[in-house]
Amino acid sequence: MQRFHWQTFRSDLRAWLATHRVHIALLDGTCFSPDKLPGRDLAPIPRPLAQDTARHLAHVEAEVAFIHLNHTNPLWRSGKERAWIEGLGLRVGVQGDVWSL
């Protein structure tokens, strides 16, 4: 079983967000990268890594916030990974965030 990649998705998420005029996308950020879970086979996890999603959605018009982070995810705290995400125009949801729907 191969790990899920955005390239294998039936439609382009970037285009879908634009076409559907999505203002906010709350996306799964469970695992940041394969090196954050050493020794773990990520193939059975049916979701892309947060770093893959960030690369795919860099500077998209919609507000993108990563939520549902696991305990090993470096996005939990300030650091180079979170700075990288923010440099791509994306963000990490934090406890207490409120979005108007």
PDB file of N, CA and C in Angstrom:
ATOM      1  N   MET A   1       0.841  -1.187   0.000  1.00  0.00           N
ATOM      2  CA  MET A   1       0.000   0.000   0.000  1.00  0.00           C
ATOM      3  C   MET A   1       0.883   1.247   0.000  1.00  0.00           C
ATOM      4  N   GLN A   2       0.596   2.196  -0.898  1.00  0.00           N
ATOM      5  CA  GLN A   2       1.382   3.419  -0.966  1.00  0.00           C
ATOM      6  C   GLN A   2       0.752   4.510  -0.119  1.00  0.00           C
ATOM      7  N   ARG A   3       1.592   5.407   0.352  1.00  0.00           N
ATOM      8  CA  ARG A   3       1.117   6.556   1.108  1.00  0.00           C
ATOM      9  C   ARG A   3       0.330   7.473   0.180  1.00  0.00           C
ATOM     10  N   PHE A   4      -0.715   8.079   0.697  1.00  0.00           N
ATOM     11  CA  PHE A   4      -1.573   8.986  -0.071  1.00  0.00           C
ATOM     12  C   PHE A   4      -0.788  10.236  -0.463  1.00  0.00           C
ATOM     13  N   HIS A   5      -0.904  10.642  -1.715  1.00  0.00           N
ATOM     14  CA  HIS A   5      -0.284  11.870  -2.217  1.00  0.00           C
ATOM     15  C   HIS A   5      -1.342  12.676  -2.943  1.00  0.00           C
ATOM     16  N   TRP A   6      -1.226  13.984  -2.935  1.00  0.00           N
ATOM     17  CA  TRP A   6      -2.191  14.840  -3.630  1.00  0.00           C
ATOM     18  C   TRP A   6      -2.211  14.567  -5.124  1.00  0.00           C
ATOM     19  N   GLN A   7      -1.107  14.117  -5.680  1.00  0.00           N
ATOM     20  CA  GLN A   7      -1.059  13.848  -7.115  1.00  0.00           C
ATOM     21  C   GLN A   7      -1.978  12.686  -7.507  1.00  0.00           C
ATOM     22  N   THR A   8      -2.311  11.811  -6.568  1.00  0.00           N
ATOM     23  CA  THR A   8      -3.170  10.672  -6.873  1.00  0.00           C
ATOM     24  C   THR A   8      -4.652  10.980  -6.654  1.00  0.00           C
ATOM     25  N   PHE A   9      -4.968  12.149  -6.149  1.00  0.00           N
ATOM     26  CA  PHE A   9      -6.352  12.537  -5.888  1.00  0.00           C
ATOM     27  C   PHE A   9      -7.059  12.778  -7.213  1.00  0.00           C
ATOM     28  N   ARG A  10      -8.319  12.465  -7.300  1.00  0.00           N
ATOM     29  CA  ARG A  10      -9.061  12.571  -8.562  1.00  0.00           C
ATOM     30  C   ARG A  10      -9.196  13.999  -9.079  1.00  0.00           C
ATOM     31  N   SER A  11      -9.282  14.963  -8.187  1.00  0.00           N
ATOM     32  CA  SER A  11      -9.342  16.355  -8.639  1.00  0.00           C
ATOM     33  C   SER A  11      -8.309  17.169  -7.869  1.00  0.00           C
ATOM     34  N   ASP A  12      -7.945  18.292  -8.407  1.00  0.00           N
ATOM     35  CA  ASP A  12      -6.935  19.141  -7.803  1.00  0.00           C
ATOM     36  C   ASP A  12      -7.565  19.972  -6.688  1.00  0.00           C
ATOM     37  N   LEU A  13      -7.117  19.772  -5.462  1.00  0.00           N
ATOM     38  CA  LEU A  13      -7.684  20.488  -4.323  1.00  0.00           C
ATOM     39  C   LEU A  13      -7.546  21.993  -4.488  1.00  0.00           C
ATOM     40  N   ARG A  14      -6.421  22.445  -4.988  1.00  0.00           N
ATOM     41  CA  ARG A  14      -6.205  23.884  -5.217  1.00  0.00           C
ATOM     42  C   ARG A  14      -7.297  24.452  -6.113  1.00  0.00           C
ATOM     43  N   ALA A  15      -7.538  23.792  -7.229  1.00  0.00           N
ATOM     44  CA  ALA A  15      -8.559  24.234  -8.170  1.00  0.00           C
ATOM     45  C   ALA A  15      -9.946  24.128  -7.551  1.00  0.00           C
ATOM     46  N   TRP A  16     -10.193  23.073  -6.796  1.00  0.00           N
ATOM     47  CA  TRP A  16     -11.496  22.873  -6.172  1.00  0.00           C
ATOM     48  C   TRP A  16     -11.791  24.004  -5.184  1.00  0.00           C
ATOM     49  N   LEU A  17     -10.809  24.383  -4.383  1.00  0.00           N
ATOM     50  CA  LEU A  17     -11.002  25.474  -3.426  1.00  0.00           C
ATOM     51  C   LEU A  17     -11.370  26.771  -4.150  1.00  0.00           C
ATOM     52  N   ALA A  18     -10.705  27.046  -5.257  1.00  0.00           N
ATOM     53  CA  ALA A  18     -10.973  28.264  -6.025  1.00  0.00           C
ATOM     54  C   ALA A  18     -12.332  28.192  -6.717  1.00  0.00           C
ATOM     55  N   THR A  19     -12.617  27.083  -7.357  1.00  0.00           N
ATOM     56  CA  THR A  19     -13.870  26.915  -8.093  1.00  0.00           C
ATOM     57  C   THR A  19     -15.081  27.032  -7.179  1.00  0.00           C
ATOM     58  N   HIS A  20     -14.958  26.510  -5.970  1.00  0.00           N
ATOM     59  CA  HIS A  20     -16.074  26.518  -5.030  1.00  0.00           C
ATOM     60  C   HIS A  20     -16.046  27.711  -4.078  1.00  0.00           C
ATOM     61  N   ARG A  21     -15.148  28.638  -4.361  1.00  0.00           N
ATOM     62  CA  ARG A  21     -15.035  29.867  -3.561  1.00  0.00           C
ATOM     63  C   ARG A  21     -14.942  29.594  -2.056  1.00  0.00           C
ATOM     64  N   VAL A  22     -14.103  28.662  -1.705  1.00  0.00           N
ATOM     65  CA  VAL A  22     -13.903  28.303  -0.304  1.00  0.00           C
ATOM     66  C   VAL A  22     -13.130  29.431   0.375  1.00  0.00           C
ATOM     67  N   HIS A  23     -13.650  29.894   1.493  1.00  0.00           N
ATOM     68  CA  HIS A  23     -12.992  30.969   2.243  1.00  0.00           C
ATOM     69  C   HIS A  23     -12.046  30.414   3.306  1.00  0.00           C
ATOM     70  N   ILE A  24     -12.446  29.311   3.932  1.00  0.00           N
ATOM     71  CA  ILE A  24     -11.620  28.694   4.962  1.00  0.00           C
ATOM     72  C   ILE A  24     -11.619  27.182   4.756  1.00  0.00           C
ATOM     73  N   ALA A  25     -10.452  26.597   4.805  1.00  0.00           N
ATOM     74  CA  ALA A  25     -10.316  25.143   4.703  1.00  0.00           C
ATOM     75  C   ALA A  25      -9.602  24.654   5.954  1.00  0.00           C
ATOM     76  N   LEU A  26     -10.286  23.853   6.746  1.00  0.00           N
ATOM     77  CA  LEU A  26      -9.694  23.250   7.938  1.00  0.00           C
ATOM     78  C   LEU A  26      -9.241  21.857   7.540  1.00  0.00           C
ATOM     79  N   LEU A  27      -7.950  21.671   7.485  1.00  0.00           N
ATOM     80  CA  LEU A  27      -7.391  20.431   6.946  1.00  0.00           C
ATOM     81  C   LEU A  27      -6.629  19.635   7.994  1.00  0.00           C
ATOM     82  N   ASP A  28      -6.651  18.331   7.805  1.00  0.00           N
ATOM     83  CA  ASP A  28      -5.967  17.426   8.710  1.00  0.00           C
ATOM     84  C   ASP A  28      -4.456  17.646   8.659  1.00  0.00           C
ATOM     85  N   GLY A  29      -3.860  17.799   9.803  1.00  0.00           N
ATOM     86  CA  GLY A  29      -2.410  17.974   9.886  1.00  0.00           C
ATOM     87  C   GLY A  29      -1.780  16.931  10.782  1.00  0.00           C
ATOM     88  N   THR A  30      -2.412  15.756  10.899  1.00  0.00           N
ATOM     89  CA  THR A  30      -1.981  14.733  11.846  1.00  0.00           C
ATOM     90  C   THR A  30      -0.478  14.523  11.843  1.00  0.00           C
ATOM     91  N   CYS A  31       0.067  14.153  10.725  1.00  0.00           N
ATOM     92  CA  CYS A  31       1.499  13.852  10.638  1.00  0.00           C
ATOM     93  C   CYS A  31       2.179  14.907   9.777  1.00  0.00           C
ATOM     94  N   PHE A  32       3.255  15.468  10.263  1.00  0.00           N
ATOM     95  CA  PHE A  32       3.952  16.506   9.515  1.00  0.00           C
ATOM     96  C   PHE A  32       4.816  15.919   8.403  1.00  0.00           C
ATOM     97  N   SER A  33       5.675  14.989   8.754  1.00  0.00           N
ATOM     98  CA  SER A  33       6.592  14.404   7.771  1.00  0.00           C
ATOM     99  C   SER A  33       6.946  12.985   8.216  1.00  0.00           C
ATOM    100  N   PRO A  34       7.464  12.178   7.296  1.00  0.00           N
ATOM    101  CA  PRO A  34       7.783  10.793   7.672  1.00  0.00           C
ATOM    102  C   PRO A  34       8.859  10.688   8.748  1.00  0.00           C
ATOM    103  N   ASP A  35       9.775  11.636   8.815  1.00  0.00           N
ATOM    104  CA  ASP A  35      10.848  11.551   9.811  1.00  0.00           C
ATOM    105  C   ASP A  35      10.366  11.887  11.219  1.00  0.00           C
ATOM    106  N   LYS A  36       9.135  12.357  11.374  1.00  0.00           N
ATOM    107  CA  LYS A  36       8.612  12.666  12.706  1.00  0.00           C
ATOM    108  C   LYS A  36       8.029  11.433  13.390  1.00  0.00           C
ATOM    109  N   LEU A  37       7.872  10.343  12.633  1.00  0.00           N
ATOM    110  CA  LEU A  37       7.395   9.079  13.202  1.00  0.00           C
ATOM    111  C   LEU A  37       8.352   7.960  12.786  1.00  0.00           C
ATOM    112  N   PRO A  38       9.577   7.988  13.319  1.00  0.00           N
ATOM    113  CA  PRO A  38      10.572   6.997  12.892  1.00  0.00           C
ATOM    114  C   PRO A  38      10.112   5.572  13.181  1.00  0.00           C
ATOM    115  N   GLY A  39      10.361   4.702  12.197  1.00  0.00           N
ATOM    116  CA  GLY A  39      10.018   3.302  12.370  1.00  0.00           C
ATOM    117  C   GLY A  39       8.553   2.987  12.110  1.00  0.00           C
ATOM    118  N   ARG A  40       7.745   3.977  11.828  1.00  0.00           N
ATOM    119  CA  ARG A  40       6.302   3.766  11.590  1.00  0.00           C
ATOM    120  C   ARG A  40       6.030   3.714  10.093  1.00  0.00           C
ATOM    121  N   ASP A  41       5.285   2.702   9.671  1.00  0.00           N
ATOM    122  CA  ASP A  41       4.879   2.597   8.276  1.00  0.00           C
ATOM    123  C   ASP A  41       3.696   3.527   8.064  1.00  0.00           C
ATOM    124  N   LEU A  42       3.894   4.579   7.287  1.00  0.00           N
ATOM    125  CA  LEU A  42       2.836   5.565   7.057  1.00  0.00           C
ATOM    126  C   LEU A  42       1.906   5.175   5.912  1.00  0.00           C
ATOM    127  N   ALA A  43       2.225   4.100   5.202  1.00  0.00           N
ATOM    128  CA  ALA A  43       1.398   3.690   4.066  1.00  0.00           C
ATOM    129  C   ALA A  43      -0.066   3.457   4.437  1.00  0.00           C
ATOM    130  N   PRO A  44      -0.372   2.833   5.576  1.00  0.00           N
ATOM    131  CA  PRO A  44      -1.781   2.593   5.890  1.00  0.00           C
ATOM    132  C   PRO A  44      -2.561   3.847   6.321  1.00  0.00           C
ATOM    133  N   ILE A  45      -1.878   4.964   6.525  1.00  0.00           N
ATOM    134  CA  ILE A  45      -2.557   6.187   6.960  1.00  0.00           C
ATOM    135  C   ILE A  45      -3.140   6.863   5.717  1.00  0.00           C
ATOM    136  N   PRO A  46      -4.466   6.910   5.595  1.00  0.00           N
ATOM    137  CA  PRO A  46      -5.097   7.390   4.355  1.00  0.00           C
ATOM    138  C   PRO A  46      -5.223   8.902   4.253  1.00  0.00           C
ATOM    139  N   ARG A  47      -4.153   9.602   4.543  1.00  0.00           N
ATOM    140  CA  ARG A  47      -4.169  11.061   4.420  1.00  0.00           C
ATOM    141  C   ARG A  47      -2.770  11.542   4.090  1.00  0.00           C
ATOM    142  N   PRO A  48      -2.668  12.650   3.394  1.00  0.00           N
ATOM    143  CA  PRO A  48      -1.337  13.167   3.066  1.00  0.00           C
ATOM    144  C   PRO A  48      -0.682  13.774   4.304  1.00  0.00           C
ATOM    145  N   LEU A  49       0.609  13.881   4.249  1.00  0.00           N
ATOM    146  CA  LEU A  49       1.348  14.544   5.325  1.00  0.00           C
ATOM    147  C   LEU A  49       1.107  16.045   5.252  1.00  0.00           C
ATOM    148  N   ALA A  50       1.182  16.708   6.383  1.00  0.00           N
ATOM    149  CA  ALA A  50       0.963  18.160   6.420  1.00  0.00           C
ATOM    150  C   ALA A  50       1.964  18.885   5.521  1.00  0.00           C
ATOM    151  N   GLN A  51       3.208  18.425   5.456  1.00  0.00           N
ATOM    152  CA  GLN A  51       4.188  19.107   4.599  1.00  0.00           C
ATOM    153  C   GLN A  51       3.823  18.962   3.129  1.00  0.00           C
ATOM    154  N   ASP A  52       3.250  17.823   2.731  1.00  0.00           N
ATOM    155  CA  ASP A  52       2.814  17.643   1.347  1.00  0.00           C
ATOM    156  C   ASP A  52       1.642  18.568   1.027  1.00  0.00           C
ATOM    157  N   THR A  53       0.697  18.647   1.953  1.00  0.00           N
ATOM    158  CA  THR A  53      -0.461  19.524   1.769  1.00  0.00           C
ATOM    159  C   THR A  53      -0.009  20.979   1.689  1.00  0.00           C
ATOM    160  N   ALA A  54       0.920  21.362   2.543  1.00  0.00           N
ATOM    161  CA  ALA A  54       1.417  22.742   2.541  1.00  0.00           C
ATOM    162  C   ALA A  54       2.070  23.086   1.207  1.00  0.00           C
ATOM    163  N   ARG A  55       2.888  22.193   0.696  1.00  0.00           N
ATOM    164  CA  ARG A  55       3.523  22.436  -0.616  1.00  0.00           C
ATOM    165  C   ARG A  55       2.462  22.569  -1.708  1.00  0.00           C
ATOM    166  N   HIS A  56       1.454  21.726  -1.650  1.00  0.00           N
ATOM    167  CA  HIS A  56       0.410  21.712  -2.667  1.00  0.00           C
ATOM    168  C   HIS A  56      -0.461  22.972  -2.620  1.00  0.00           C
ATOM    169  N   LEU A  57      -0.690  23.510  -1.420  1.00  0.00           N
ATOM    170  CA  LEU A  57      -1.602  24.648  -1.270  1.00  0.00           C
ATOM    171  C   LEU A  57      -0.900  25.973  -0.976  1.00  0.00           C
ATOM    172  N   ALA A  58       0.396  26.024  -1.172  1.00  0.00           N
ATOM    173  CA  ALA A  58       1.145  27.256  -0.896  1.00  0.00           C
ATOM    174  C   ALA A  58       0.501  28.448  -1.599  1.00  0.00           C
ATOM    175  N   HIS A  59       0.258  29.482  -0.835  1.00  0.00           N
ATOM    176  CA  HIS A  59      -0.260  30.766  -1.320  1.00  0.00           C
ATOM    177  C   HIS A  59      -1.609  30.659  -2.027  1.00  0.00           C
ATOM    178  N   VAL A  60      -2.415  29.678  -1.646  1.00  0.00           N
ATOM    179  CA  VAL A  60      -3.764  29.553  -2.182  1.00  0.00           C
ATOM    180  C   VAL A  60      -4.610  30.713  -1.618  1.00  0.00           C
ATOM    181  N   GLU A  61      -5.652  31.094  -2.331  1.00  0.00           N
ATOM    182  CA  GLU A  61      -6.467  32.235  -1.893  1.00  0.00           C
ATOM    183  C   GLU A  61      -7.266  31.963  -0.628  1.00  0.00           C
ATOM    184  N   ALA A  62      -7.731  30.744  -0.432  1.00  0.00           N
ATOM    185  CA  ALA A  62      -8.508  30.411   0.763  1.00  0.00           C
ATOM    186  C   ALA A  62      -7.611  30.440   1.995  1.00  0.00           C
ATOM    187  N   GLU A  63      -8.206  30.729   3.150  1.00  0.00           N
ATOM    188  CA  GLU A  63      -7.466  30.590   4.398  1.00  0.00           C
ATOM    189  C   GLU A  63      -7.386  29.102   4.694  1.00  0.00           C
ATOM    190  N   VAL A  64      -6.183  28.597   4.883  1.00  0.00           N
ATOM    191  CA  VAL A  64      -5.981  27.187   5.191  1.00  0.00           C
ATOM    192  C   VAL A  64      -5.409  27.092   6.591  1.00  0.00           C
ATOM    193  N   ALA A  65      -6.079  26.300   7.425  1.00  0.00           N
ATOM    194  CA  ALA A  65      -5.605  26.070   8.786  1.00  0.00           C
ATOM    195  C   ALA A  65      -5.480  24.566   9.005  1.00  0.00           C
ATOM    196  N   PHE A  66      -4.333  24.147   9.478  1.00  0.00           N
ATOM    197  CA  PHE A  66      -4.125  22.746   9.811  1.00  0.00           C
ATOM    198  C   PHE A  66      -4.650  22.495  11.217  1.00  0.00           C
ATOM    199  N   ILE A  67      -5.473  21.478  11.334  1.00  0.00           N
ATOM    200  CA  ILE A  67      -6.016  21.087  12.633  1.00  0.00           C
ATOM    201  C   ILE A  67      -5.766  19.588  12.813  1.00  0.00           C
ATOM    202  N   HIS A  68      -6.120  19.040  13.965  1.00  0.00           N
ATOM    203  CA  HIS A  68      -5.989  17.618  14.252  1.00  0.00           C
ATOM    204  C   HIS A  68      -4.528  17.190  14.156  1.00  0.00           C
ATOM    205  N   LEU A  69      -3.686  17.785  14.979  1.00  0.00           N
ATOM    206  CA  LEU A  69      -2.257  17.480  14.987  1.00  0.00           C
ATOM    207  C   LEU A  69      -1.972  16.398  16.023  1.00  0.00           C
ATOM    208  N   ASN A  70      -1.081  15.473  15.693  1.00  0.00           N
ATOM    209  CA  ASN A  70      -0.739  14.461  16.691  1.00  0.00           C
ATOM    210  C   ASN A  70       0.349  14.990  17.625  1.00  0.00           C
ATOM    211  N   HIS A  71       0.633  14.243  18.662  1.00  0.00           N
ATOM    212  CA  HIS A  71       1.559  14.700  19.702  1.00  0.00           C
ATOM    213  C   HIS A  71       3.001  14.837  19.233  1.00  0.00           C
ATOM    214  N   THR A  72       3.378  14.216  18.128  1.00  0.00           N
ATOM    215  CA  THR A  72       4.750  14.323  17.634  1.00  0.00           C
ATOM    216  C   THR A  72       4.898  15.426  16.586  1.00  0.00           C
ATOM    217  N   ASN A  73       3.816  16.096  16.255  1.00  0.00           N
ATOM    218  CA  ASN A  73       3.837  17.084  15.184  1.00  0.00           C
ATOM    219  C   ASN A  73       4.508  18.379  15.656  1.00  0.00           C
ATOM    220  N   PRO A  74       5.557  18.819  14.973  1.00  0.00           N
ATOM    221  CA  PRO A  74       6.261  20.033  15.396  1.00  0.00           C
ATOM    222  C   PRO A  74       5.442  21.310  15.188  1.00  0.00           C
ATOM    223  N   LEU A  75       4.318  21.225  14.492  1.00  0.00           N
ATOM    224  CA  LEU A  75       3.484  22.419  14.286  1.00  0.00           C
ATOM    225  C   LEU A  75       2.798  22.875  15.571  1.00  0.00           C
ATOM    226  N   TRP A  76       2.809  22.034  16.605  1.00  0.00           N
ATOM    227  CA  TRP A  76       2.205  22.402  17.884  1.00  0.00           C
ATOM    228  C   TRP A  76       2.850  23.651  18.492  1.00  0.00           C
ATOM    229  N   ARG A  77       4.109  23.860  18.188  1.00  0.00           N
ATOM    230  CA  ARG A  77       4.839  24.955  18.844  1.00  0.00           C
ATOM    231  C   ARG A  77       5.562  25.807  17.791  1.00  0.00           C
ATOM    232  N   SER A  78       5.990  26.956  18.235  1.00  0.00           N
ATOM    233  CA  SER A  78       6.777  27.814  17.346  1.00  0.00           C
ATOM    234  C   SER A  78       8.074  27.103  16.996  1.00  0.00           C
ATOM    235  N   GLY A  79       8.505  27.296  15.778  1.00  0.00           N
ATOM    236  CA  GLY A  79       9.740  26.667  15.331  1.00  0.00           C
ATOM    237  C   GLY A  79       9.838  26.759  13.825  1.00  0.00           C
ATOM    238  N   LYS A  80      10.858  26.120  13.271  1.00  0.00           N
ATOM    239  CA  LYS A  80      11.111  26.248  11.839  1.00  0.00           C
ATOM    240  C   LYS A  80       9.982  25.659  10.989  1.00  0.00           C
ATOM    241  N   GLU A  81       9.355  24.570  11.452  1.00  0.00           N
ATOM    242  CA  GLU A  81       8.274  23.963  10.678  1.00  0.00           C
ATOM    243  C   GLU A  81       7.053  24.884  10.616  1.00  0.00           C
ATOM    244  N   ARG A  82       6.685  25.454  11.758  1.00  0.00           N
ATOM    245  CA  ARG A  82       5.534  26.366  11.773  1.00  0.00           C
ATOM    246  C   ARG A  82       5.850  27.634  10.978  1.00  0.00           C
ATOM    247  N   ALA A  83       7.054  28.143  11.101  1.00  0.00           N
ATOM    248  CA  ALA A  83       7.461  29.330  10.331  1.00  0.00           C
ATOM    249  C   ALA A  83       7.396  29.032   8.837  1.00  0.00           C
ATOM    250  N   TRP A  84       7.788  27.824   8.437  1.00  0.00           N
ATOM    251  CA  TRP A  84       7.736  27.430   7.038  1.00  0.00           C
ATOM    252  C   TRP A  84       6.289  27.421   6.540  1.00  0.00           C
ATOM    253  N   ILE A  85       5.391  26.815   7.320  1.00  0.00           N
ATOM    254  CA  ILE A  85       3.958  26.773   6.978  1.00  0.00           C
ATOM    255  C   ILE A  85       3.426  28.190   6.815  1.00  0.00           C
ATOM    256  N   GLU A  86       3.728  29.051   7.772  1.00  0.00           N
ATOM    257  CA  GLU A  86       3.231  30.431   7.729  1.00  0.00           C
ATOM    258  C   GLU A  86       3.841  31.198   6.559  1.00  0.00           C
ATOM    259  N   GLY A  87       5.076  30.893   6.207  1.00  0.00           N
ATOM    260  CA  GLY A  87       5.720  31.525   5.058  1.00  0.00           C
ATOM    261  C   GLY A  87       5.054  31.167   3.736  1.00  0.00           C
ATOM    262  N   LEU A  88       4.331  30.050   3.727  1.00  0.00           N
ATOM    263  CA  LEU A  88       3.583  29.626   2.544  1.00  0.00           C
ATOM    264  C   LEU A  88       2.171  30.226   2.515  1.00  0.00           C
ATOM    265  N   GLY A  89       1.869  31.078   3.506  1.00  0.00           N
ATOM    266  CA  GLY A  89       0.556  31.713   3.558  1.00  0.00           C
ATOM    267  C   GLY A  89      -0.507  30.851   4.219  1.00  0.00           C
ATOM    268  N   LEU A  90      -0.093  29.814   4.944  1.00  0.00           N
ATOM    269  CA  LEU A  90      -1.005  28.902   5.619  1.00  0.00           C
ATOM    270  C   LEU A  90      -0.854  29.103   7.123  1.00  0.00           C
ATOM    271  N   ARG A  91      -1.691  28.440   7.911  1.00  0.00           N
ATOM    272  CA  ARG A  91      -1.575  28.584   9.358  1.00  0.00           C
ATOM    273  C   ARG A  91      -1.924  27.308  10.082  1.00  0.00           C
ATOM    274  N   VAL A  92      -1.696  27.318  11.366  1.00  0.00           N
ATOM    275  CA  VAL A  92      -2.027  26.196  12.230  1.00  0.00           C
ATOM    276  C   VAL A  92      -3.139  26.658  13.162  1.00  0.00           C
ATOM    277  N   GLY A  93      -4.222  25.900  13.179  1.00  0.00           N
ATOM    278  CA  GLY A  93      -5.308  26.228  14.104  1.00  0.00           C
ATOM    279  C   GLY A  93      -4.850  26.029  15.540  1.00  0.00           C
ATOM    280  N   VAL A  94      -5.330  26.884  16.413  1.00  0.00           N
ATOM    281  CA  VAL A  94      -4.987  26.769  17.826  1.00  0.00           C
ATOM    282  C   VAL A  94      -6.271  26.726  18.647  1.00  0.00           C
ATOM    283  N   GLN A  95      -6.156  26.161  19.832  1.00  0.00           N
ATOM    284  CA  GLN A  95      -7.312  26.072  20.709  1.00  0.00           C
ATOM    285  C   GLN A  95      -7.897  27.468  20.918  1.00  0.00           C
ATOM    286  N   GLY A  96      -9.191  27.572  20.769  1.00  0.00           N
ATOM    287  CA  GLY A  96      -9.874  28.860  20.933  1.00  0.00           C
ATOM    288  C   GLY A  96     -10.171  29.566  19.627  1.00  0.00           C
ATOM    289  N   ASP A  97      -9.606  29.072  18.512  1.00  0.00           N
ATOM    290  CA  ASP A  97      -9.927  29.670  17.216  1.00  0.00           C
ATOM    291  C   ASP A  97     -11.427  29.571  16.955  1.00  0.00           C
ATOM    292  N   VAL A  98     -11.962  30.601  16.348  1.00  0.00           N
ATOM    293  CA  VAL A  98     -13.379  30.618  15.980  1.00  0.00           C
ATOM    294  C   VAL A  98     -13.467  31.083  14.538  1.00  0.00           C
ATOM    295  N   TRP A  99     -14.222  30.348  13.739  1.00  0.00           N
ATOM    296  CA  TRP A  99     -14.434  30.719  12.351  1.00  0.00           C
ATOM    297  C   TRP A  99     -15.918  30.929  12.135  1.00  0.00           C
ATOM    298  N   SER A 100     -16.280  31.990  11.459  1.00  0.00           N
ATOM    299  CA  SER A 100     -17.677  32.240  11.142  1.00  0.00           C
ATOM    300  C   SER A 100     -18.025  31.485   9.865  1.00  0.00           C
ATOM    301  N   LEU A 101     -19.107  30.747   9.927  1.00  0.00           N
ATOM    302  CA  LEU A 101     -19.541  29.988   8.749  1.00  0.00           C
ATOM    303  C   LEU A 101     -20.784  30.624   8.163  1.00  0.00           C
TER     304      LEU A 101
END
